[in-house]
Amino acid sequence: MIDFLPFFVYFFVVIDPIGIVPVFIAVTSRLDKSTKRKVALVASLVSSVILLFFVVAGEFILTSMDIPLSAFQIAGGIVLFLFALTMIFGESKPEQEIKLA
């Protein structure tokens, strides 16, 4: 039997439902309750379909493009590292700082 707990944890981390709540509230602030529910339902369905598609077909797509899984994992690690650096140091650009001073 397949243990679904690790898959659930991976999907929970990827989707980040707790982090997306403020974004959803800000985007749908001017909508009424029924429209908010429709938007939430459609967004959940679309994201689930996309996620399940890549779970099923992801390895096939990578192998058809001759990309080994390890290279994809390394590239993902680099992207996460760059996001972390942006979170730590901010997005200020040196030429903007010079013009402001």
N, C-alpha and C. Protein backbone atom coordinates (compact mmCIF):
# COMPACT_ATOMS: atom_id res chain seq x y z
N MET A 1 0.83 -1.19 0.00
CA MET A 1 0.00 0.00 0.00
C MET A 1 0.87 1.25 0.00
N ILE A 2 0.47 2.22 -0.79
CA ILE A 2 1.24 3.45 -0.92
C ILE A 2 0.94 4.36 0.27
N ASP A 3 2.01 4.90 0.83
CA ASP A 3 1.85 5.83 1.94
C ASP A 3 1.60 7.23 1.36
N PHE A 4 0.40 7.76 1.57
CA PHE A 4 0.02 9.03 0.98
C PHE A 4 0.44 10.24 1.81
N LEU A 5 0.90 10.04 3.02
CA LEU A 5 1.28 11.17 3.86
C LEU A 5 2.40 12.02 3.25
N PRO A 6 3.49 11.42 2.73
CA PRO A 6 4.52 12.28 2.12
C PRO A 6 3.99 13.07 0.92
N PHE A 7 3.14 12.46 0.11
CA PHE A 7 2.57 13.18 -1.04
C PHE A 7 1.69 14.33 -0.57
N PHE A 8 0.92 14.11 0.47
CA PHE A 8 0.08 15.17 1.01
C PHE A 8 0.93 16.32 1.52
N VAL A 9 2.01 16.00 2.20
CA VAL A 9 2.90 17.05 2.73
C VAL A 9 3.53 17.82 1.58
N TYR A 10 3.98 17.12 0.52
CA TYR A 10 4.56 17.80 -0.64
C TYR A 10 3.55 18.75 -1.28
N PHE A 11 2.34 18.27 -1.50
CA PHE A 11 1.31 19.10 -2.11
C PHE A 11 0.95 20.27 -1.21
N PHE A 12 0.90 20.06 0.08
CA PHE A 12 0.58 21.13 1.03
C PHE A 12 1.64 22.22 0.97
N VAL A 13 2.90 21.81 0.88
CA VAL A 13 4.00 22.78 0.82
C VAL A 13 3.98 23.52 -0.52
N VAL A 14 3.71 22.81 -1.61
CA VAL A 14 3.70 23.44 -2.93
C VAL A 14 2.55 24.42 -3.06
N ILE A 15 1.36 24.03 -2.64
CA ILE A 15 0.18 24.87 -2.80
C ILE A 15 0.17 26.00 -1.78
N ASP A 16 0.65 25.78 -0.58
CA ASP A 16 0.74 26.77 0.49
C ASP A 16 -0.60 27.45 0.74
N PRO A 17 -1.60 26.70 1.21
CA PRO A 17 -2.92 27.29 1.42
C PRO A 17 -2.94 28.38 2.49
N ILE A 18 -2.11 28.29 3.48
CA ILE A 18 -2.08 29.29 4.54
C ILE A 18 -1.50 30.61 4.02
N GLY A 19 -0.48 30.52 3.18
CA GLY A 19 0.14 31.73 2.64
C GLY A 19 -0.69 32.40 1.56
N ILE A 20 -1.58 31.66 0.92
CA ILE A 20 -2.36 32.23 -0.17
C ILE A 20 -3.65 32.90 0.32
N VAL A 21 -4.04 32.65 1.55
CA VAL A 21 -5.28 33.23 2.08
C VAL A 21 -5.27 34.77 2.04
N PRO A 22 -4.21 35.45 2.48
CA PRO A 22 -4.22 36.92 2.39
C PRO A 22 -4.30 37.42 0.95
N VAL A 23 -3.67 36.72 0.03
CA VAL A 23 -3.73 37.11 -1.38
C VAL A 23 -5.16 36.97 -1.89
N PHE A 24 -5.81 35.86 -1.56
CA PHE A 24 -7.19 35.64 -1.99
C PHE A 24 -8.12 36.71 -1.42
N ILE A 25 -7.94 37.03 -0.16
CA ILE A 25 -8.78 38.05 0.47
C ILE A 25 -8.57 39.41 -0.19
N ALA A 26 -7.32 39.75 -0.50
CA ALA A 26 -7.05 41.04 -1.13
C ALA A 26 -7.61 41.11 -2.55
N VAL A 27 -7.48 40.03 -3.29
CA VAL A 27 -7.94 40.04 -4.69
C VAL A 27 -9.45 40.04 -4.78
N THR A 28 -10.11 39.34 -3.87
CA THR A 28 -11.57 39.22 -3.96
C THR A 28 -12.30 40.13 -2.97
N SER A 29 -11.66 41.18 -2.51
CA SER A 29 -12.26 42.03 -1.49
C SER A 29 -13.53 42.75 -1.97
N ARG A 30 -13.63 43.02 -3.26
CA ARG A 30 -14.78 43.76 -3.78
C ARG A 30 -15.89 42.84 -4.29
N LEU A 31 -15.73 41.54 -4.15
CA LEU A 31 -16.74 40.60 -4.64
C LEU A 31 -17.69 40.19 -3.52
N ASP A 32 -18.88 39.78 -3.89
CA ASP A 32 -19.82 39.29 -2.87
C ASP A 32 -19.49 37.84 -2.50
N LYS A 33 -20.17 37.32 -1.48
CA LYS A 33 -19.85 36.01 -0.94
C LYS A 33 -19.99 34.89 -1.95
N SER A 34 -21.07 34.90 -2.73
CA SER A 34 -21.29 33.81 -3.68
C SER A 34 -20.24 33.83 -4.79
N THR A 35 -19.84 35.00 -5.24
CA THR A 35 -18.80 35.09 -6.26
C THR A 35 -17.46 34.65 -5.71
N LYS A 36 -17.18 35.00 -4.45
CA LYS A 36 -15.93 34.55 -3.82
C LYS A 36 -15.88 33.02 -3.77
N ARG A 37 -17.00 32.39 -3.44
CA ARG A 37 -17.04 30.93 -3.40
C ARG A 37 -16.81 30.33 -4.78
N LYS A 38 -17.41 30.94 -5.80
CA LYS A 38 -17.21 30.45 -7.17
C LYS A 38 -15.76 30.59 -7.59
N VAL A 39 -15.16 31.73 -7.28
CA VAL A 39 -13.76 31.97 -7.62
C VAL A 39 -12.86 30.96 -6.90
N ALA A 40 -13.12 30.72 -5.63
CA ALA A 40 -12.33 29.76 -4.86
C ALA A 40 -12.48 28.35 -5.42
N LEU A 41 -13.70 27.97 -5.79
CA LEU A 41 -13.93 26.64 -6.34
C LEU A 41 -13.24 26.46 -7.68
N VAL A 42 -13.37 27.44 -8.57
CA VAL A 42 -12.73 27.34 -9.89
C VAL A 42 -11.21 27.33 -9.74
N ALA A 43 -10.68 28.19 -8.89
CA ALA A 43 -9.23 28.24 -8.68
C ALA A 43 -8.71 26.92 -8.11
N SER A 44 -9.45 26.33 -7.18
CA SER A 44 -9.04 25.05 -6.61
C SER A 44 -9.08 23.94 -7.65
N LEU A 45 -10.12 23.92 -8.45
CA LEU A 45 -10.24 22.89 -9.48
C LEU A 45 -9.15 23.02 -10.54
N VAL A 46 -8.91 24.23 -11.01
CA VAL A 46 -7.90 24.44 -12.04
C VAL A 46 -6.51 24.09 -11.52
N SER A 47 -6.19 24.54 -10.31
CA SER A 47 -4.87 24.23 -9.76
C SER A 47 -4.71 22.74 -9.49
N SER A 48 -5.78 22.07 -9.08
CA SER A 48 -5.71 20.62 -8.86
C SER A 48 -5.49 19.87 -10.17
N VAL A 49 -6.19 20.28 -11.22
CA VAL A 49 -6.02 19.62 -12.52
C VAL A 49 -4.59 19.82 -13.04
N ILE A 50 -4.07 21.04 -12.93
CA ILE A 50 -2.71 21.30 -13.39
C ILE A 50 -1.70 20.50 -12.59
N LEU A 51 -1.87 20.47 -11.28
CA LEU A 51 -0.96 19.74 -10.41
C LEU A 51 -1.00 18.24 -10.70
N LEU A 52 -2.19 17.69 -10.84
CA LEU A 52 -2.31 16.26 -11.14
C LEU A 52 -1.77 15.93 -12.53
N PHE A 53 -1.94 16.83 -13.49
CA PHE A 53 -1.38 16.59 -14.82
C PHE A 53 0.13 16.45 -14.75
N PHE A 54 0.79 17.34 -14.03
CA PHE A 54 2.24 17.28 -13.96
C PHE A 54 2.73 16.15 -13.06
N VAL A 55 1.92 15.71 -12.11
CA VAL A 55 2.29 14.53 -11.32
C VAL A 55 2.30 13.29 -12.23
N VAL A 56 1.30 13.21 -13.09
CA VAL A 56 1.18 12.04 -13.97
C VAL A 56 2.14 12.13 -15.15
N ALA A 57 2.22 13.29 -15.80
CA ALA A 57 2.96 13.41 -17.05
C ALA A 57 4.32 14.08 -16.91
N GLY A 58 4.68 14.50 -15.71
CA GLY A 58 5.92 15.25 -15.52
C GLY A 58 7.17 14.49 -15.91
N GLU A 59 7.28 13.27 -15.48
CA GLU A 59 8.48 12.49 -15.80
C GLU A 59 8.56 12.21 -17.29
N PHE A 60 7.42 11.95 -17.92
CA PHE A 60 7.40 11.72 -19.36
C PHE A 60 7.86 12.97 -20.11
N ILE A 61 7.41 14.13 -19.68
CA ILE A 61 7.81 15.39 -20.32
C ILE A 61 9.31 15.61 -20.18
N LEU A 62 9.84 15.38 -18.98
CA LEU A 62 11.28 15.56 -18.76
C LEU A 62 12.11 14.60 -19.60
N THR A 63 11.70 13.34 -19.66
CA THR A 63 12.47 12.37 -20.45
C THR A 63 12.34 12.64 -21.95
N SER A 64 11.21 13.14 -22.40
CA SER A 64 11.07 13.45 -23.82
C SER A 64 11.94 14.64 -24.22
N MET A 65 12.26 15.52 -23.28
CA MET A 65 13.14 16.66 -23.56
C MET A 65 14.58 16.36 -23.16
N ASP A 66 14.88 15.11 -22.80
CA ASP A 66 16.23 14.68 -22.38
C ASP A 66 16.77 15.48 -21.20
N ILE A 67 15.92 15.76 -20.24
CA ILE A 67 16.34 16.45 -19.02
C ILE A 67 16.29 15.44 -17.89
N PRO A 68 17.45 15.12 -17.30
CA PRO A 68 17.42 14.18 -16.17
C PRO A 68 16.76 14.81 -14.95
N LEU A 69 16.16 14.00 -14.13
CA LEU A 69 15.47 14.49 -12.94
C LEU A 69 16.43 15.22 -12.00
N SER A 70 17.65 14.75 -11.92
CA SER A 70 18.63 15.41 -11.04
C SER A 70 18.91 16.84 -11.49
N ALA A 71 18.98 17.08 -12.80
CA ALA A 71 19.20 18.45 -13.30
C ALA A 71 18.02 19.34 -12.96
N PHE A 72 16.81 18.79 -13.05
CA PHE A 72 15.62 19.55 -12.70
C PHE A 72 15.61 19.88 -11.22
N GLN A 73 16.05 18.95 -10.38
CA GLN A 73 16.12 19.19 -8.94
C GLN A 73 17.16 20.24 -8.60
N ILE A 74 18.29 20.21 -9.28
CA ILE A 74 19.33 21.21 -9.04
C ILE A 74 18.84 22.59 -9.47
N ALA A 75 18.19 22.68 -10.62
CA ALA A 75 17.66 23.96 -11.08
C ALA A 75 16.61 24.49 -10.11
N GLY A 76 15.76 23.61 -9.58
CA GLY A 76 14.77 24.03 -8.58
C GLY A 76 15.43 24.54 -7.32
N GLY A 77 16.51 23.89 -6.90
CA GLY A 77 17.26 24.35 -5.73
C GLY A 77 17.87 25.72 -5.95
N ILE A 78 18.38 25.96 -7.15
CA ILE A 78 18.96 27.27 -7.46
C ILE A 78 17.88 28.35 -7.42
N VAL A 79 16.71 28.05 -7.98
CA VAL A 79 15.61 29.03 -7.97
C VAL A 79 15.19 29.33 -6.53
N LEU A 80 15.06 28.30 -5.70
CA LEU A 80 14.70 28.53 -4.30
C LEU A 80 15.77 29.34 -3.57
N PHE A 81 17.04 29.08 -3.87
CA PHE A 81 18.12 29.84 -3.27
C PHE A 81 18.04 31.31 -3.67
N LEU A 82 17.75 31.58 -4.94
CA LEU A 82 17.64 32.97 -5.39
C LEU A 82 16.45 33.68 -4.74
N PHE A 83 15.34 32.97 -4.57
CA PHE A 83 14.20 33.54 -3.86
C PHE A 83 14.57 33.84 -2.41
N ALA A 84 15.31 32.95 -1.79
CA ALA A 84 15.73 33.17 -0.40
C ALA A 84 16.63 34.39 -0.30
N LEU A 85 17.56 34.53 -1.24
CA LEU A 85 18.43 35.72 -1.22
C LEU A 85 17.62 36.99 -1.39
N THR A 86 16.62 36.96 -2.27
CA THR A 86 15.76 38.13 -2.45
C THR A 86 15.00 38.44 -1.18
N MET A 87 14.54 37.42 -0.48
CA MET A 87 13.81 37.63 0.77
C MET A 87 14.73 38.20 1.85
N ILE A 88 15.98 37.78 1.87
CA ILE A 88 16.91 38.25 2.89
C ILE A 88 17.39 39.67 2.61
N PHE A 89 17.83 39.92 1.38
CA PHE A 89 18.46 41.20 1.07
C PHE A 89 17.54 42.20 0.39
N GLY A 90 16.36 41.81 0.03
CA GLY A 90 15.44 42.73 -0.64
C GLY A 90 15.71 42.81 -2.13
N GLU A 91 14.94 43.66 -2.79
CA GLU A 91 15.06 43.77 -4.23
C GLU A 91 15.61 45.12 -4.66
N SER A 92 16.38 45.78 -3.82
CA SER A 92 16.91 47.09 -4.19
C SER A 92 17.99 46.92 -5.26
N LYS A 93 18.02 47.90 -6.15
CA LYS A 93 19.01 47.89 -7.22
C LYS A 93 19.99 49.03 -6.96
N PRO A 94 21.28 48.82 -7.21
CA PRO A 94 22.28 49.85 -6.90
C PRO A 94 22.02 51.17 -7.63
N GLU A 95 21.58 51.14 -8.91
CA GLU A 95 21.37 52.40 -9.62
C GLU A 95 20.22 53.19 -9.04
N GLN A 96 19.23 52.55 -8.46
CA GLN A 96 18.13 53.25 -7.81
C GLN A 96 18.60 53.93 -6.53
N GLU A 97 19.47 53.28 -5.80
CA GLU A 97 19.97 53.85 -4.56
C GLU A 97 20.83 55.08 -4.82
N ILE A 98 21.60 55.05 -5.90
CA ILE A 98 22.47 56.18 -6.23
C ILE A 98 21.62 57.37 -6.62
N LYS A 99 20.57 57.18 -7.41
CA LYS A 99 19.73 58.28 -7.86
C LYS A 99 18.97 58.91 -6.70
N LEU A 100 18.61 58.11 -5.69
CA LEU A 100 17.87 58.63 -4.55
C LEU A 100 18.76 59.43 -3.61
N ALA A 101 20.04 59.12 -3.59
CA ALA A 101 20.95 59.78 -2.66
C ALA A 101 21.40 61.13 -3.10
